[in-house]
Protein backbone atom coordinates (compact mmCIF):
# COMPACT_ATOMS: atom_id res chain seq x y z
CA MET A 1 0.00 0.00 0.00
CA PRO A 2 1.55 3.37 -1.00
CA THR A 3 2.47 5.72 1.84
CA THR A 4 5.13 8.22 2.85
CA LEU A 5 7.80 7.72 5.52
CA THR A 6 9.69 10.55 7.21
CA ALA A 7 12.64 10.53 9.62
CA SER A 8 14.73 13.30 11.13
CA PHE A 9 18.52 13.35 11.42
CA ASP A 10 21.04 15.30 13.50
CA THR A 11 23.33 15.97 10.54
CA ARG A 12 23.02 16.52 6.83
CA ARG A 13 25.64 13.81 6.31
CA GLU A 14 23.43 11.20 8.03
CA ALA A 15 20.49 12.28 5.87
CA GLU A 16 22.54 12.14 2.67
CA MET A 17 24.03 8.74 3.56
CA THR A 18 20.50 7.45 4.07
CA VAL A 19 19.46 8.74 0.65
CA GLU A 20 22.50 7.14 -1.02
CA ARG A 21 21.72 3.82 0.67
CA LEU A 22 18.11 3.98 -0.53
CA VAL A 23 19.00 4.94 -4.11
CA GLN A 24 22.04 2.73 -4.65
CA GLU A 25 21.12 -0.40 -2.71
CA GLN A 26 17.32 -0.35 -2.56
CA GLY A 27 16.75 1.02 -6.07
CA ILE A 28 14.43 3.79 -4.88
CA ASP A 29 13.99 6.58 -7.41
CA ARG A 30 15.77 9.74 -6.19
CA ALA A 31 12.70 11.73 -7.28
CA ALA A 32 10.70 9.92 -4.58
CA ILE A 33 12.99 11.33 -1.84
CA VAL A 34 13.00 14.82 -0.34
CA ILE A 35 15.64 16.27 2.03
CA ALA A 36 14.60 19.39 3.95
CA THR A 37 15.12 21.23 7.19
CA ALA A 38 12.83 20.12 9.99
CA GLY A 39 11.71 23.71 10.60
CA ASP A 40 11.74 27.08 8.91
CA ASP A 41 15.36 27.89 9.84
CA ASN A 42 18.36 27.37 7.60
CA SER A 43 20.03 24.18 8.81
CA ALA A 44 23.55 25.65 8.62
CA GLY A 45 22.87 28.96 10.31
CA GLU A 46 23.45 32.47 9.02
CA GLU A 47 27.17 32.93 9.70
CA VAL A 48 29.82 31.87 7.20
CA ALA A 49 31.73 28.99 8.78
CA GLY A 50 33.69 25.87 7.99
CA ALA A 51 34.59 25.24 4.37
CA ASP A 52 32.61 28.31 3.27
CA THR A 53 35.32 30.58 4.68
CA GLY A 54 38.03 29.19 2.41
CA ALA A 55 40.54 29.49 5.24
CA PRO A 56 43.17 26.76 5.67
CA GLY A 57 41.92 23.99 7.93
CA SER A 58 38.29 25.05 7.43
CA GLU A 59 37.00 21.67 6.26
CA GLU A 60 34.88 21.28 9.38
CA ASN A 61 31.12 21.42 9.08
CA PRO A 62 29.26 24.32 10.69
CA ALA A 63 26.89 23.52 13.53
CA LEU A 64 23.28 22.93 12.61
CA ASN A 65 20.45 25.13 13.84
CA GLY A 66 17.93 22.36 13.37
CA ARG A 67 17.39 18.82 12.26
CA ILE A 68 17.25 17.51 8.69
CA THR A 69 14.29 15.43 7.50
CA VAL A 70 14.20 12.78 4.80
CA THR A 71 10.81 11.96 3.30
CA VAL A 72 10.34 8.97 1.01
CA ASP A 73 7.33 7.91 -1.06
CA VAL A 74 6.90 4.19 -0.40
CA ALA A 75 5.43 1.72 -2.90
CA ASP A 76 4.65 -1.22 -0.59
CA ASP A 77 5.15 -2.77 2.85
CA ALA A 78 8.35 -4.62 1.86
CA GLN A 79 9.92 -1.39 0.64
CA ALA A 80 8.80 0.36 3.85
CA GLY A 81 10.81 -2.15 5.89
CA ASP A 82 13.93 -1.46 3.82
CA ILE A 83 13.49 2.29 4.20
CA LYS A 84 13.01 2.04 7.98
CA ALA A 85 16.17 -0.08 8.20
CA ALA A 86 18.14 2.59 6.29
CA PHE A 87 16.71 5.30 8.56
CA ALA A 88 17.83 3.31 11.62
CA GLU A 89 21.29 2.58 10.19
CA PHE A 90 22.03 6.32 9.97
CA ASN A 91 20.41 7.32 13.27
CA GLY A 92 17.09 8.49 11.88
CA GLU A 93 14.64 9.43 14.62
CA LYS A 94 10.98 10.32 14.88
CA VAL A 95 10.06 8.00 12.01
CA SER A 96 6.49 8.60 10.95
CA ALA A 97 4.14 7.38 8.22
CA GLY A 98 1.64 9.60 6.53
């Protein structure tokens, strides 16, 4: 039964790793996946930081202001199980169906 699953992540890297797992290993169409901030705020803040500064040794990632969500359109129950497993592998929290 088609549905939508959503999980939230502490970092953009965790969210992106989840998406790569879903696309490359589960064969989910990238167009069926949305990455967004959990709220209205920019997830990386307003100050230039980390690699954006171009300064030597600035490879670090800036702190997040909020969580990142990954939303996936799900075709069936078997696919939902695979998606939930990928969410869990990369520390996805607050998994919800809708």
